[in-house]
Protein backbone atom coordinates (compact mmCIF):
# COMPACT_ATOMS: atom_id res chain seq x y z
CA MET A 1 32.14 -6.72 -47.93
CA SER A 2 32.84 -8.48 -44.67
CA VAL A 3 35.84 -7.76 -42.49
CA SER A 4 36.89 -11.41 -42.64
CA THR A 5 37.11 -11.23 -46.46
CA LEU A 6 39.31 -8.14 -46.31
CA SER A 7 41.40 -9.80 -43.65
CA ASN A 8 42.04 -12.79 -45.91
CA TRP A 9 42.93 -10.55 -48.85
CA PHE A 10 45.51 -8.53 -46.96
CA ARG A 11 46.96 -11.36 -44.87
CA GLY A 12 50.69 -11.31 -45.18
CA HIS A 13 50.75 -7.71 -46.44
CA ASP A 14 51.96 -5.10 -43.98
CA PHE A 15 51.25 -1.36 -44.23
CA SER A 16 54.28 0.85 -44.54
CA GLU A 17 55.43 2.79 -41.46
CA GLU A 18 54.51 6.00 -43.27
CA MET A 19 50.96 4.79 -43.84
CA LYS A 20 50.68 3.67 -40.21
CA HIS A 21 51.87 7.10 -39.10
CA ILE A 22 49.35 8.90 -41.36
CA LEU A 23 46.44 6.76 -40.13
CA THR A 24 47.49 7.24 -36.50
CA GLU A 25 47.68 11.01 -36.92
CA LYS A 26 44.24 11.12 -38.55
CA ALA A 27 42.73 9.02 -35.78
CA LEU A 28 44.37 11.19 -33.12
CA LYS A 29 43.11 14.44 -34.67
CA LYS A 30 39.61 13.03 -35.00
CA SER A 31 39.64 11.83 -31.40
CA THR A 32 41.00 15.17 -30.12
CA ALA A 33 38.36 17.15 -32.03
CA HIS A 34 35.65 14.88 -30.65
CA MET A 35 36.88 15.32 -27.08
CA GLN A 36 37.09 19.09 -27.50
CA SER A 37 33.52 19.14 -28.77
CA LEU A 38 32.33 17.06 -25.81
CA ASN A 39 34.18 19.33 -23.39
CA ARG A 40 32.54 22.43 -24.88
CA ILE A 41 29.11 20.82 -24.57
CA ARG A 42 29.85 19.76 -21.00
CA GLY A 43 31.07 23.26 -20.16
CA ASP A 44 27.90 24.82 -21.59
CA LEU A 45 25.71 22.42 -19.60
CA LEU A 46 27.61 23.13 -16.39
CA LYS A 47 27.21 26.88 -16.90
CA ILE A 48 23.45 26.45 -17.31
CA HIS A 49 23.42 24.21 -14.24
CA TYR A 50 25.26 26.73 -12.04
CA ASP A 51 23.35 29.72 -13.43
CA GLN A 52 20.09 28.04 -12.45
CA ALA A 53 21.45 27.28 -8.96
CA GLU A 54 22.47 30.92 -8.53
CA LYS A 55 19.03 32.21 -9.57
CA GLU A 56 17.30 29.84 -7.16
CA ALA A 57 19.70 30.78 -4.37
CA LEU A 58 18.93 34.50 -4.67
CA VAL A 59 15.18 33.86 -4.55
CA GLU A 60 15.52 31.49 -1.58
CA LEU A 61 17.69 33.92 0.35
CA LYS A 62 15.06 36.65 0.04
CA GLU A 63 12.32 34.24 1.05
CA ASN A 64 14.24 32.94 4.08
CA ILE A 65 16.04 36.05 5.31
CA ARG A 66 14.01 35.91 8.54
CA ASN A 67 14.07 32.12 8.87
CA PRO A 68 16.29 31.30 11.91
CA LEU A 69 17.19 27.79 10.70
CA PHE A 70 18.19 29.00 7.24
CA ILE A 71 20.24 31.94 8.48
CA SER A 72 21.88 29.92 11.27
CA ALA A 73 22.95 27.20 8.82
CA VAL A 74 24.38 29.68 6.30
CA VAL A 75 26.28 31.60 9.00
CA ALA A 76 27.59 28.34 10.49
CA TYR A 77 28.82 27.26 7.07
CA TRP A 78 30.30 30.69 6.47
CA GLY A 79 32.42 30.28 9.59
CA GLU A 80 33.17 26.55 9.62
CA GLY A 81 32.45 25.16 6.17
CA ASP A 82 34.58 24.24 3.19
CA LYS A 83 34.54 27.10 0.71
CA LEU A 84 37.32 25.96 -1.62
CA THR A 85 35.97 22.92 -3.45
CA ARG A 86 33.19 23.06 -6.04
CA HIS A 87 31.41 19.81 -5.29
CA HIS A 88 31.67 19.17 -1.54
CA VAL A 89 29.42 20.60 1.15
CA ARG A 90 31.53 19.96 4.25
CA ILE A 91 31.35 21.56 7.69
CA ALA A 92 33.45 20.64 10.73
CA ASN A 93 33.05 21.37 14.41
CA THR A 94 33.54 20.00 17.90
CA ASP A 95 30.00 20.89 18.97
CA PRO A 96 27.50 18.16 18.00
CA GLU A 97 24.54 20.51 18.42
CA MET A 98 25.82 22.78 15.67
CA LEU A 99 26.30 19.85 13.31
CA LYS A 100 22.90 18.43 14.25
CA MET A 101 21.35 21.78 13.36
CA PHE A 102 23.12 21.82 9.99
CA VAL A 103 21.94 18.28 9.20
CA PHE A 104 18.39 19.36 10.10
CA PHE A 105 18.80 22.24 7.64
CA LEU A 106 19.98 19.86 4.89
CA LYS A 107 17.00 17.61 5.43
CA ASN A 108 14.30 20.24 5.79
CA HIS A 109 15.48 23.05 3.55
CA GLY A 110 17.88 21.47 1.09
CA ASN A 111 15.64 18.42 0.54
CA ILE A 112 18.73 16.24 0.83
CA SER A 113 18.32 12.50 1.32
CA MET A 114 20.06 11.52 4.55
CA ASN A 115 21.61 8.43 2.98
CA LYS A 116 23.81 10.81 0.96
CA VAL A 117 25.14 12.54 4.08
CA SER A 118 28.07 11.09 5.99
CA LEU A 119 30.40 11.96 8.85
CA ALA A 120 34.19 12.10 8.95
CA LEU A 121 36.19 12.17 12.18
CA PHE A 122 39.55 13.66 13.11
CA ILE A 123 40.57 11.89 16.32
CA TYR A 124 43.67 11.55 18.48
CA GLU A 125 45.63 8.31 18.27
CA ASP A 126 44.75 7.27 21.82
CA LEU A 127 40.98 7.59 21.30
CA ASP A 128 38.73 4.64 20.53
CA ASP A 129 37.44 5.08 16.98
CA THR A 130 34.35 2.92 17.59
CA LEU A 131 33.32 4.87 20.70
CA CYS A 132 33.88 8.20 18.92
CA ARG A 133 31.74 7.07 15.98
CA GLN A 134 29.01 5.95 18.33
CA TYR A 135 29.07 9.30 20.14
CA TRP A 136 28.84 11.41 16.97
CA SER A 137 26.28 9.14 15.33
CA GLU A 138 23.95 9.40 18.33
CA LYS A 139 24.41 13.16 18.66
CA VAL A 140 24.16 14.16 15.00
CA GLY A 141 21.81 11.44 13.77
CA ILE A 142 23.97 10.10 10.93
CA SER A 143 25.33 6.53 10.91
CA LYS A 144 27.42 6.60 7.70
CA PHE A 145 31.13 7.35 8.19
CA HIS A 146 34.24 7.94 6.13
CA LYS A 147 37.52 6.48 7.36
CA SER A 148 38.65 8.40 10.44
CA GLN A 149 41.79 10.56 10.24
CA VAL A 150 44.06 9.83 13.21
CA LEU A 151 46.15 12.68 14.66
CA PRO A 152 49.05 12.47 17.13
CA SER A 153 48.20 13.50 20.71
CA LYS A 154 50.27 16.61 21.44
CA HIS A 155 48.47 18.02 24.46
CA LYS A 156 47.73 15.85 27.48
CA THR A 157 45.34 18.34 29.05
CA ARG A 158 43.77 20.21 26.12
CA ARG A 159 42.25 17.32 24.19
CA LEU A 160 38.90 16.75 22.56
CA PRO A 161 37.44 13.57 24.07
CA TYR A 162 35.63 12.63 20.84
CA GLY A 163 37.71 14.48 18.26
CA THR A 164 36.37 16.78 15.57
CA CYS A 165 33.49 15.77 13.31
CA SER A 166 32.67 16.85 9.77
CA VAL A 167 29.31 16.57 8.02
CA VAL A 168 30.06 15.68 4.40
CA LEU A 169 27.89 15.76 1.29
CA THR A 170 28.77 15.78 -2.40
CA ASN A 171 26.35 18.11 -4.16
CA SER A 172 27.63 20.77 -6.57
CA TYR A 173 24.18 22.36 -6.94
CA LEU A 174 23.78 22.98 -3.21
CA LYS A 175 27.41 24.07 -2.94
CA LYS A 176 26.83 26.76 -5.57
CA LYS A 177 23.79 27.95 -3.63
CA MET A 178 25.77 28.02 -0.41
CA THR A 179 28.47 30.22 -1.94
CA VAL A 180 25.80 32.62 -3.23
CA TRP A 181 24.10 32.77 0.17
CA ILE A 182 27.38 33.47 1.95
CA ASP A 183 28.27 36.14 -0.59
CA GLN A 184 24.91 37.93 -0.51
CA LEU A 185 23.90 37.52 3.14
CA PRO A 186 26.07 40.26 4.77
CA GLU A 187 24.82 43.09 2.55
CA MET A 188 21.22 41.92 2.76
CA VAL A 189 21.31 41.76 6.57
CA LEU A 190 23.07 45.10 6.91
CA ASN A 191 20.46 46.74 4.68
CA MET A 192 17.79 45.50 7.08
CA VAL A 193 19.44 47.19 10.09
CA PRO A 194 18.39 50.83 10.57
CA SER A 195 21.40 53.11 10.17
CA GLU A 196 22.40 55.22 13.17
CA THR A 197 21.60 58.90 12.92
CA SER A 198 23.91 61.49 14.40
């Protein structure tokens, strides 16, 4: 039976408030159960995703423990990178050479497409945003920028002429690996150093 036929039959007849309430409650329970089921599935898939990233990270750390680029990038991120968020790989510094090295690591070890990597600047209010972007783009080799964050100039003598730059990438898989590398690296390196004998 078509919906239009039913519509004609019940035109002018209104459901009671009780019936409306019952139907609404049923629909809500069904929707809630469906969402809970989807969330459980999503949670299971994420766990598999992160477990795989962790396994790969441990293998890659062992393979690259003597690779200067790999170790330098992990140590740089350990000291200057974002370790709080789950999805963002973000490292900030005032030295363009350090950021250039990290971008080189992303490209050559992480197999990251450079069009997914961007820069974000923290600059003083009296600096020229365009000139600062040009400086960092030439030094680091990335031309894509987020909106710059402008800070008040508090020190007239101790200022950064081009501000602070962050390399930014959204990649939860690589971020999981990075946390594993940072966690496992100290013990692995220390075990490689001969212990002093008295």
